[in-house]
Amino acid sequence: MSADRDRPKAQAKKKRSVVEAVSERLFAMIRSGKISVGDRLPSEHQLMAMLGVGRSSVREAVRGLVLMGLLERRTGRGSILVSAPPPTVNGERSLAQWALEDLYAVRVLLEPAAAAGAARHATATQLQRIAGFAAAIEAHVAAGTPYFAENIGFHLSIAAASGNQLLYHSIESLIGRFRDVRERINRSLKSRPTRDPAEHRLILDAIRRRDPDAAQAAMANHLRSFRQKAAADTRSR
């Protein structure tokens, strides 16, 4: 029975390894100059034959590079290289770190403002929802289980309580667009960020106290803390 339960996890891990290998090969093609900005990537069938992998692995790897802003899908033309990575990016791990830095640089501009807005405008129902996600995350951390969905819920429920719909949709779009990249980065971390529950409590407590300045500072510190830890773990691998 235990082997049956572990089989899906092993299969998922194997697929992630294949996707990461395909991403590394595509990145090498870009880095070597075989594909230049403005060039079209080989077709799915060509990539499958070149790399000896299935269609789903090719699609997932290409989607990751699209999400990072390197590729763009254009109707009738396929996937086009629209941006080359900086010279300091020299591999898939470095690429993940670069994507992380860009993502969190934007999040730290938007989400502290959302936390401050939530401190001013959150309703009792919205506060309960934020607290519910915080509690669920604590339970997952205690059990040593993933909490990616709950973490998204925590951050988006704060954005929804900010009273600013444009800000909410901006954060929702940002988090949703980079979900694949963030999940891969989270999986690469040596240890789960155990400081999350305490940092979430600081944010929640400030919102409950109706203290916009404290909520803004707590959210900014939380995002910077995770960004620094993830970047350090990525560099040391």
C-alpha atoms as a PDB file:
ATOM      1  CA  MET A   1       0.000   0.000   0.000  1.00  0.00           C
ATOM      2  CA  SER A   2       2.844   2.391   0.889  1.00  0.00           C
ATOM      3  CA  ALA A   3       4.477   1.781  -2.507  1.00  0.00           C
ATOM      4  CA  ASP A   4       1.173   2.548  -4.240  1.00  0.00           C
ATOM      5  CA  ARG A   5       0.857   5.833  -2.348  1.00  0.00           C
ATOM      6  CA  ASP A   6       4.428   6.831  -3.152  1.00  0.00           C
ATOM      7  CA  ARG A   7       4.176   6.029  -6.865  1.00  0.00           C
ATOM      8  CA  PRO A   8       2.402   9.291  -7.900  1.00  0.00           C
ATOM      9  CA  LYS A   9       5.003  11.332  -5.976  1.00  0.00           C
ATOM     10  CA  ALA A  10       7.851   9.479  -7.680  1.00  0.00           C
ATOM     11  CA  GLN A  11       6.243   9.986 -11.088  1.00  0.00           C
ATOM     12  CA  ALA A  12       5.742  13.705 -10.434  1.00  0.00           C
ATOM     13  CA  LYS A  13       9.368  14.050  -9.300  1.00  0.00           C
ATOM     14  CA  LYS A  14      10.570  12.247 -12.424  1.00  0.00           C
ATOM     15  CA  LYS A  15       8.487  14.535 -14.653  1.00  0.00           C
ATOM     16  CA  ARG A  16       9.870  17.629 -12.902  1.00  0.00           C
ATOM     17  CA  SER A  17      13.398  16.338 -13.532  1.00  0.00           C
ATOM     18  CA  VAL A  18      12.636  15.874 -17.235  1.00  0.00           C
ATOM     19  CA  VAL A  19      11.093  19.345 -17.504  1.00  0.00           C
ATOM     20  CA  GLU A  20      14.082  20.897 -15.754  1.00  0.00           C
ATOM     21  CA  ALA A  21      16.439  19.076 -18.125  1.00  0.00           C
ATOM     22  CA  VAL A  22      14.478  20.369 -21.140  1.00  0.00           C
ATOM     23  CA  SER A  23      14.560  23.909 -19.682  1.00  0.00           C
ATOM     24  CA  GLU A  24      18.323  23.599 -19.258  1.00  0.00           C
ATOM     25  CA  ARG A  25      18.764  22.488 -22.891  1.00  0.00           C
ATOM     26  CA  LEU A  26      16.585  25.317 -24.199  1.00  0.00           C
ATOM     27  CA  PHE A  27      18.459  27.787 -22.056  1.00  0.00           C
ATOM     28  CA  ALA A  28      21.774  26.450 -23.408  1.00  0.00           C
ATOM     29  CA  MET A  29      20.538  26.985 -26.971  1.00  0.00           C
ATOM     30  CA  ILE A  30      19.688  30.591 -26.129  1.00  0.00           C
ATOM     31  CA  ARG A  31      22.907  31.192 -24.236  1.00  0.00           C
ATOM     32  CA  SER A  32      25.068  29.734 -27.056  1.00  0.00           C
ATOM     33  CA  GLY A  33      23.522  32.047 -29.651  1.00  0.00           C
ATOM     34  CA  LYS A  34      21.842  29.261 -31.611  1.00  0.00           C
ATOM     35  CA  ILE A  35      18.642  31.175 -30.968  1.00  0.00           C
ATOM     36  CA  SER A  36      18.801  34.991 -31.014  1.00  0.00           C
ATOM     37  CA  VAL A  37      16.274  37.614 -29.975  1.00  0.00           C
ATOM     38  CA  GLY A  38      13.561  37.662 -32.650  1.00  0.00           C
ATOM     39  CA  ASP A  39      14.159  34.041 -33.679  1.00  0.00           C
ATOM     40  CA  ARG A  40      11.495  31.374 -33.489  1.00  0.00           C
ATOM     41  CA  LEU A  41      12.016  28.348 -31.304  1.00  0.00           C
ATOM     42  CA  PRO A  42      11.928  24.987 -33.115  1.00  0.00           C
ATOM     43  CA  SER A  43       8.437  23.509 -33.267  1.00  0.00           C
ATOM     44  CA  GLU A  44       7.133  21.169 -30.569  1.00  0.00           C
ATOM     45  CA  HIS A  45       7.701  18.151 -32.836  1.00  0.00           C
ATOM     46  CA  GLN A  46      11.250  19.270 -33.607  1.00  0.00           C
ATOM     47  CA  LEU A  47      12.037  19.818 -29.924  1.00  0.00           C
ATOM     48  CA  MET A  48      10.555  16.439 -29.011  1.00  0.00           C
ATOM     49  CA  ALA A  49      12.809  14.764 -31.591  1.00  0.00           C
ATOM     50  CA  MET A  50      15.879  16.823 -30.681  1.00  0.00           C
ATOM     51  CA  LEU A  51      15.553  16.295 -26.927  1.00  0.00           C
ATOM     52  CA  GLY A  52      13.986  12.838 -26.873  1.00  0.00           C
ATOM     53  CA  VAL A  53      11.096  13.844 -24.599  1.00  0.00           C
ATOM     54  CA  GLY A  54       7.311  13.973 -24.749  1.00  0.00           C
ATOM     55  CA  ARG A  55       5.053  16.839 -25.754  1.00  0.00           C
ATOM     56  CA  SER A  56       3.944  17.687 -22.195  1.00  0.00           C
ATOM     57  CA  SER A  57       7.546  18.113 -21.013  1.00  0.00           C
ATOM     58  CA  VAL A  58       8.331  20.425 -23.938  1.00  0.00           C
ATOM     59  CA  ARG A  59       5.205  22.478 -23.349  1.00  0.00           C
ATOM     60  CA  GLU A  60       5.864  22.866 -19.622  1.00  0.00           C
ATOM     61  CA  ALA A  61       9.477  23.901 -20.182  1.00  0.00           C
ATOM     62  CA  VAL A  62       8.475  26.428 -22.854  1.00  0.00           C
ATOM     63  CA  ARG A  63       5.713  27.778 -20.606  1.00  0.00           C
ATOM     64  CA  GLY A  64       8.267  28.359 -17.852  1.00  0.00           C
ATOM     65  CA  LEU A  65      10.438  30.443 -20.195  1.00  0.00           C
ATOM     66  CA  VAL A  66       7.357  32.361 -21.358  1.00  0.00           C
ATOM     67  CA  LEU A  67       6.473  33.137 -17.737  1.00  0.00           C
ATOM     68  CA  MET A  68      10.013  34.378 -17.148  1.00  0.00           C
ATOM     69  CA  GLY A  69       9.623  36.801 -20.052  1.00  0.00           C
ATOM     70  CA  LEU A  70      12.202  35.174 -22.329  1.00  0.00           C
ATOM     71  CA  LEU A  71       9.751  33.739 -24.842  1.00  0.00           C
ATOM     72  CA  GLU A  72       6.484  34.991 -26.256  1.00  0.00           C
ATOM     73  CA  ARG A  73       3.858  32.909 -28.041  1.00  0.00           C
ATOM     74  CA  ARG A  74       2.644  34.532 -31.250  1.00  0.00           C
ATOM     75  CA  THR A  75      -0.244  33.264 -33.322  1.00  0.00           C
ATOM     76  CA  GLY A  76       0.968  31.668 -36.519  1.00  0.00           C
ATOM     77  CA  ARG A  77       4.639  31.994 -35.576  1.00  0.00           C
ATOM     78  CA  GLY A  78       5.079  29.835 -32.490  1.00  0.00           C
ATOM     79  CA  SER A  79       7.366  30.742 -29.587  1.00  0.00           C
ATOM     80  CA  ILE A  80       9.669  33.704 -30.218  1.00  0.00           C
ATOM     81  CA  LEU A  81      12.698  34.689 -28.155  1.00  0.00           C
ATOM     82  CA  VAL A  82      11.898  38.258 -27.093  1.00  0.00           C
ATOM     83  CA  SER A  83      14.476  38.815 -24.367  1.00  0.00           C
ATOM     84  CA  ALA A  84      17.918  37.413 -23.634  1.00  0.00           C
ATOM     85  CA  PRO A  85      18.873  36.723 -20.006  1.00  0.00           C
ATOM     86  CA  PRO A  86      21.596  38.883 -18.442  1.00  0.00           C
ATOM     87  CA  PRO A  87      25.227  37.689 -18.883  1.00  0.00           C
ATOM     88  CA  THR A  88      25.347  36.747 -15.184  1.00  0.00           C
ATOM     89  CA  VAL A  89      22.665  34.106 -15.758  1.00  0.00           C
ATOM     90  CA  ASN A  90      24.588  30.969 -16.667  1.00  0.00           C
ATOM     91  CA  GLY A  91      22.258  28.067 -16.017  1.00  0.00           C
ATOM     92  CA  GLU A  92      18.771  26.940 -15.061  1.00  0.00           C
ATOM     93  CA  ARG A  93      19.359  27.493 -11.344  1.00  0.00           C
ATOM     94  CA  SER A  94      20.722  30.956 -12.009  1.00  0.00           C
ATOM     95  CA  LEU A  95      17.738  31.571 -14.279  1.00  0.00           C
ATOM     96  CA  ALA A  96      15.384  30.662 -11.419  1.00  0.00           C
ATOM     97  CA  GLN A  97      17.202  33.082  -9.138  1.00  0.00           C
ATOM     98  CA  TRP A  98      16.924  35.854 -11.745  1.00  0.00           C
ATOM     99  CA  ALA A  99      13.176  35.226 -12.104  1.00  0.00           C
ATOM    100  CA  LEU A 100      12.809  35.250  -8.325  1.00  0.00           C
ATOM    101  CA  GLU A 101      14.584  38.593  -8.005  1.00  0.00           C
ATOM    102  CA  ASP A 102      12.374  40.232 -10.644  1.00  0.00           C
ATOM    103  CA  LEU A 103       9.182  38.772  -9.196  1.00  0.00           C
ATOM    104  CA  TYR A 104       9.836  39.830  -5.615  1.00  0.00           C
ATOM    105  CA  ALA A 105      11.114  43.265  -6.640  1.00  0.00           C
ATOM    106  CA  VAL A 106       7.620  43.928  -8.018  1.00  0.00           C
ATOM    107  CA  ARG A 107       5.745  42.198  -5.202  1.00  0.00           C
ATOM    108  CA  VAL A 108       7.526  44.278  -2.574  1.00  0.00           C
ATOM    109  CA  LEU A 109       6.234  47.407  -4.339  1.00  0.00           C
ATOM    110  CA  LEU A 110       2.605  46.260  -4.436  1.00  0.00           C
ATOM    111  CA  GLU A 111       1.801  44.017  -1.499  1.00  0.00           C
ATOM    112  CA  PRO A 112       2.870  46.295   1.384  1.00  0.00           C
ATOM    113  CA  ALA A 113       0.437  48.880  -0.001  1.00  0.00           C
ATOM    114  CA  ALA A 114      -2.261  46.198  -0.085  1.00  0.00           C
ATOM    115  CA  ALA A 115      -1.569  45.304   3.563  1.00  0.00           C
ATOM    116  CA  ALA A 116      -1.832  48.961   4.545  1.00  0.00           C
ATOM    117  CA  GLY A 117      -5.135  49.211   2.669  1.00  0.00           C
ATOM    118  CA  ALA A 118      -6.426  46.084   4.397  1.00  0.00           C
ATOM    119  CA  ALA A 119      -5.631  47.652   7.779  1.00  0.00           C
ATOM    120  CA  ARG A 120      -7.853  50.565   6.803  1.00  0.00           C
ATOM    121  CA  HIS A 121     -10.686  48.801   5.007  1.00  0.00           C
ATOM    122  CA  ALA A 122     -10.923  45.073   5.892  1.00  0.00           C
ATOM    123  CA  THR A 123     -14.343  43.907   7.007  1.00  0.00           C
ATOM    124  CA  ALA A 124     -14.879  41.380   9.798  1.00  0.00           C
ATOM    125  CA  THR A 125     -15.509  38.687   7.180  1.00  0.00           C
ATOM    126  CA  GLN A 126     -12.334  39.563   5.309  1.00  0.00           C
ATOM    127  CA  LEU A 127     -10.312  39.502   8.531  1.00  0.00           C
ATOM    128  CA  GLN A 128     -11.694  36.071   9.301  1.00  0.00           C
ATOM    129  CA  ARG A 129     -10.702  34.846   5.859  1.00  0.00           C
ATOM    130  CA  ILE A 130      -7.135  36.163   6.218  1.00  0.00           C
ATOM    131  CA  ALA A 131      -6.872  34.570   9.671  1.00  0.00           C
ATOM    132  CA  GLY A 132      -8.179  31.270   8.293  1.00  0.00           C
ATOM    133  CA  PHE A 133      -5.413  31.077   5.704  1.00  0.00           C
ATOM    134  CA  ALA A 134      -2.795  32.021   8.310  1.00  0.00           C
ATOM    135  CA  ALA A 135      -3.999  29.212  10.588  1.00  0.00           C
ATOM    136  CA  ALA A 136      -4.001  26.705   7.720  1.00  0.00           C
ATOM    137  CA  ILE A 137      -0.405  27.626   6.872  1.00  0.00           C
ATOM    138  CA  GLU A 138       0.649  27.142  10.498  1.00  0.00           C
ATOM    139  CA  ALA A 139      -0.934  23.677  10.476  1.00  0.00           C
ATOM    140  CA  HIS A 140       0.905  22.733   7.280  1.00  0.00           C
ATOM    141  CA  VAL A 141       4.250  23.987   8.593  1.00  0.00           C
ATOM    142  CA  ALA A 142       3.746  21.997  11.817  1.00  0.00           C
ATOM    143  CA  ALA A 143       2.957  18.888   9.758  1.00  0.00           C
ATOM    144  CA  GLY A 144       5.797  19.474   7.297  1.00  0.00           C
ATOM    145  CA  THR A 145       3.417  19.539   4.315  1.00  0.00           C
ATOM    146  CA  PRO A 146       3.248  21.999   1.387  1.00  0.00           C
ATOM    147  CA  TYR A 147       1.069  25.079   1.723  1.00  0.00           C
ATOM    148  CA  PHE A 148       1.416  26.776  -1.656  1.00  0.00           C
ATOM    149  CA  ALA A 149      -2.339  27.194  -2.241  1.00  0.00           C
ATOM    150  CA  GLU A 150      -2.927  28.483   1.287  1.00  0.00           C
ATOM    151  CA  ASN A 151      -0.072  30.964   0.928  1.00  0.00           C
ATOM    152  CA  ILE A 152      -1.602  32.338  -2.263  1.00  0.00           C
ATOM    153  CA  GLY A 153      -4.930  32.569  -0.437  1.00  0.00           C
ATOM    154  CA  PHE A 154      -3.348  34.520   2.423  1.00  0.00           C
ATOM    155  CA  HIS A 155      -1.752  37.092   0.144  1.00  0.00           C
ATOM    156  CA  LEU A 156      -4.731  37.458  -2.182  1.00  0.00           C
ATOM    157  CA  SER A 157      -7.214  37.763   0.690  1.00  0.00           C
ATOM    158  CA  ILE A 158      -5.169  40.687   2.013  1.00  0.00           C
ATOM    159  CA  ALA A 159      -5.126  42.266  -1.448  1.00  0.00           C
ATOM    160  CA  ALA A 160      -8.900  41.775  -1.736  1.00  0.00           C
ATOM    161  CA  ALA A 161      -9.397  43.507   1.632  1.00  0.00           C
ATOM    162  CA  SER A 162      -7.335  46.532   0.562  1.00  0.00           C
ATOM    163  CA  GLY A 163     -10.339  48.269  -0.964  1.00  0.00           C
ATOM    164  CA  ASN A 164      -8.412  48.831  -4.199  1.00  0.00           C
ATOM    165  CA  GLN A 165      -9.619  46.584  -7.013  1.00  0.00           C
ATOM    166  CA  LEU A 166      -6.873  47.608  -9.432  1.00  0.00           C
ATOM    167  CA  LEU A 167      -4.248  46.730  -6.829  1.00  0.00           C
ATOM    168  CA  TYR A 168      -5.953  43.403  -6.139  1.00  0.00           C
ATOM    169  CA  HIS A 169      -6.110  42.428  -9.808  1.00  0.00           C
ATOM    170  CA  SER A 170      -2.486  43.483 -10.343  1.00  0.00           C
ATOM    171  CA  ILE A 171      -1.326  41.239  -7.497  1.00  0.00           C
ATOM    172  CA  GLU A 172      -3.620  38.400  -8.603  1.00  0.00           C
ATOM    173  CA  SER A 173      -2.265  38.595 -12.155  1.00  0.00           C
ATOM    174  CA  LEU A 174       1.330  38.725 -10.958  1.00  0.00           C
ATOM    175  CA  ILE A 175       1.013  35.784  -8.580  1.00  0.00           C
ATOM    176  CA  GLY A 176      -0.986  33.737 -11.080  1.00  0.00           C
ATOM    177  CA  ARG A 177       1.304  34.452 -13.989  1.00  0.00           C
ATOM    178  CA  PHE A 178       4.423  33.319 -12.167  1.00  0.00           C
ATOM    179  CA  ARG A 179       2.894  30.384 -10.322  1.00  0.00           C
ATOM    180  CA  ASP A 180       4.856  27.721 -12.238  1.00  0.00           C
ATOM    181  CA  VAL A 181       8.126  29.546 -11.646  1.00  0.00           C
ATOM    182  CA  ARG A 182       7.450  30.086  -7.935  1.00  0.00           C
ATOM    183  CA  GLU A 183       6.420  26.465  -7.380  1.00  0.00           C
ATOM    184  CA  ARG A 184       9.670  25.301  -8.969  1.00  0.00           C
ATOM    185  CA  ILE A 185      11.664  27.752  -6.842  1.00  0.00           C
ATOM    186  CA  ASN A 186       9.842  26.653  -3.688  1.00  0.00           C
ATOM    187  CA  ARG A 187      10.588  23.002  -4.480  1.00  0.00           C
ATOM    188  CA  SER A 188      14.276  23.856  -4.870  1.00  0.00           C
ATOM    189  CA  LEU A 189      14.604  25.351  -1.383  1.00  0.00           C
ATOM    190  CA  LYS A 190      16.702  23.328   1.025  1.00  0.00           C
ATOM    191  CA  SER A 191      14.218  23.931   3.851  1.00  0.00           C
ATOM    192  CA  ARG A 192      10.692  25.222   4.049  1.00  0.00           C
ATOM    193  CA  PRO A 193      10.607  28.831   5.301  1.00  0.00           C
ATOM    194  CA  THR A 194       9.606  28.099   8.916  1.00  0.00           C
ATOM    195  CA  ARG A 195       9.443  31.815   9.696  1.00  0.00           C
ATOM    196  CA  ASP A 196       6.309  32.203   7.574  1.00  0.00           C
ATOM    197  CA  PRO A 197       3.792  31.613  10.402  1.00  0.00           C
ATOM    198  CA  ALA A 198       5.368  34.194  12.723  1.00  0.00           C
ATOM    199  CA  GLU A 199       5.701  36.736   9.915  1.00  0.00           C
ATOM    200  CA  HIS A 200       2.100  36.122   8.841  1.00  0.00           C
ATOM    201  CA  ARG A 201       0.936  36.691  12.425  1.00  0.00           C
ATOM    202  CA  LEU A 202       2.707  40.056  12.501  1.00  0.00           C
ATOM    203  CA  ILE A 203       0.932  41.084   9.301  1.00  0.00           C
ATOM    204  CA  LEU A 204      -2.441  39.824  10.516  1.00  0.00           C
ATOM    205  CA  ASP A 205      -2.084  41.453  13.947  1.00  0.00           C
ATOM    206  CA  ALA A 206      -1.245  44.828  12.383  1.00  0.00           C
ATOM    207  CA  ILE A 207      -4.273  44.600  10.088  1.00  0.00           C
ATOM    208  CA  ARG A 208      -6.488  43.682  13.046  1.00  0.00           C
ATOM    209  CA  ARG A 209      -5.150  46.674  15.026  1.00  0.00           C
ATOM    210  CA  ARG A 210      -5.996  48.934  12.076  1.00  0.00           C
ATOM    211  CA  ASP A 211      -2.363  50.017  11.896  1.00  0.00           C
ATOM    212  CA  PRO A 212      -1.533  50.663   8.211  1.00  0.00           C
ATOM    213  CA  ASP A 213       2.111  51.586   8.825  1.00  0.00           C
ATOM    214  CA  ALA A 214       2.804  48.424  10.835  1.00  0.00           C
ATOM    215  CA  ALA A 215       0.961  46.247   8.296  1.00  0.00           C
ATOM    216  CA  GLN A 216       2.921  47.776   5.421  1.00  0.00           C
ATOM    217  CA  ALA A 217       6.252  47.275   7.215  1.00  0.00           C
ATOM    218  CA  ALA A 218       5.410  43.703   8.244  1.00  0.00           C
ATOM    219  CA  MET A 219       4.485  42.710   4.694  1.00  0.00           C
ATOM    220  CA  ALA A 220       7.608  44.341   3.235  1.00  0.00           C
ATOM    221  CA  ASN A 221       9.804  42.549   5.790  1.00  0.00           C
ATOM    222  CA  HIS A 222       8.067  39.234   5.065  1.00  0.00           C
ATOM    223  CA  LEU A 223       8.618  39.464   1.308  1.00  0.00           C
ATOM    224  CA  ARG A 224      12.231  40.580   1.687  1.00  0.00           C
ATOM    225  CA  SER A 225      12.890  37.784   4.181  1.00  0.00           C
ATOM    226  CA  PHE A 226      11.629  35.087   1.829  1.00  0.00           C
ATOM    227  CA  ARG A 227      13.377  36.660  -1.143  1.00  0.00           C
ATOM    228  CA  GLN A 228      16.740  36.665   0.655  1.00  0.00           C
ATOM    229  CA  LYS A 229      16.366  33.094   1.905  1.00  0.00           C
ATOM    230  CA  ALA A 230      15.280  31.730  -1.470  1.00  0.00           C
ATOM    231  CA  ALA A 231      18.065  33.583  -3.294  1.00  0.00           C
ATOM    232  CA  ALA A 232      20.665  32.281  -0.834  1.00  0.00           C
ATOM    233  CA  ASP A 233      19.413  28.700  -1.135  1.00  0.00           C
ATOM    234  CA  THR A 234      19.340  28.917  -4.940  1.00  0.00           C
ATOM    235  CA  ARG A 235      22.909  30.266  -5.093  1.00  0.00           C
ATOM    236  CA  SER A 236      24.274  27.582  -2.761  1.00  0.00           C
ATOM    237  CA  ARG A 237      22.894  24.622  -4.725  1.00  0.00           C
END
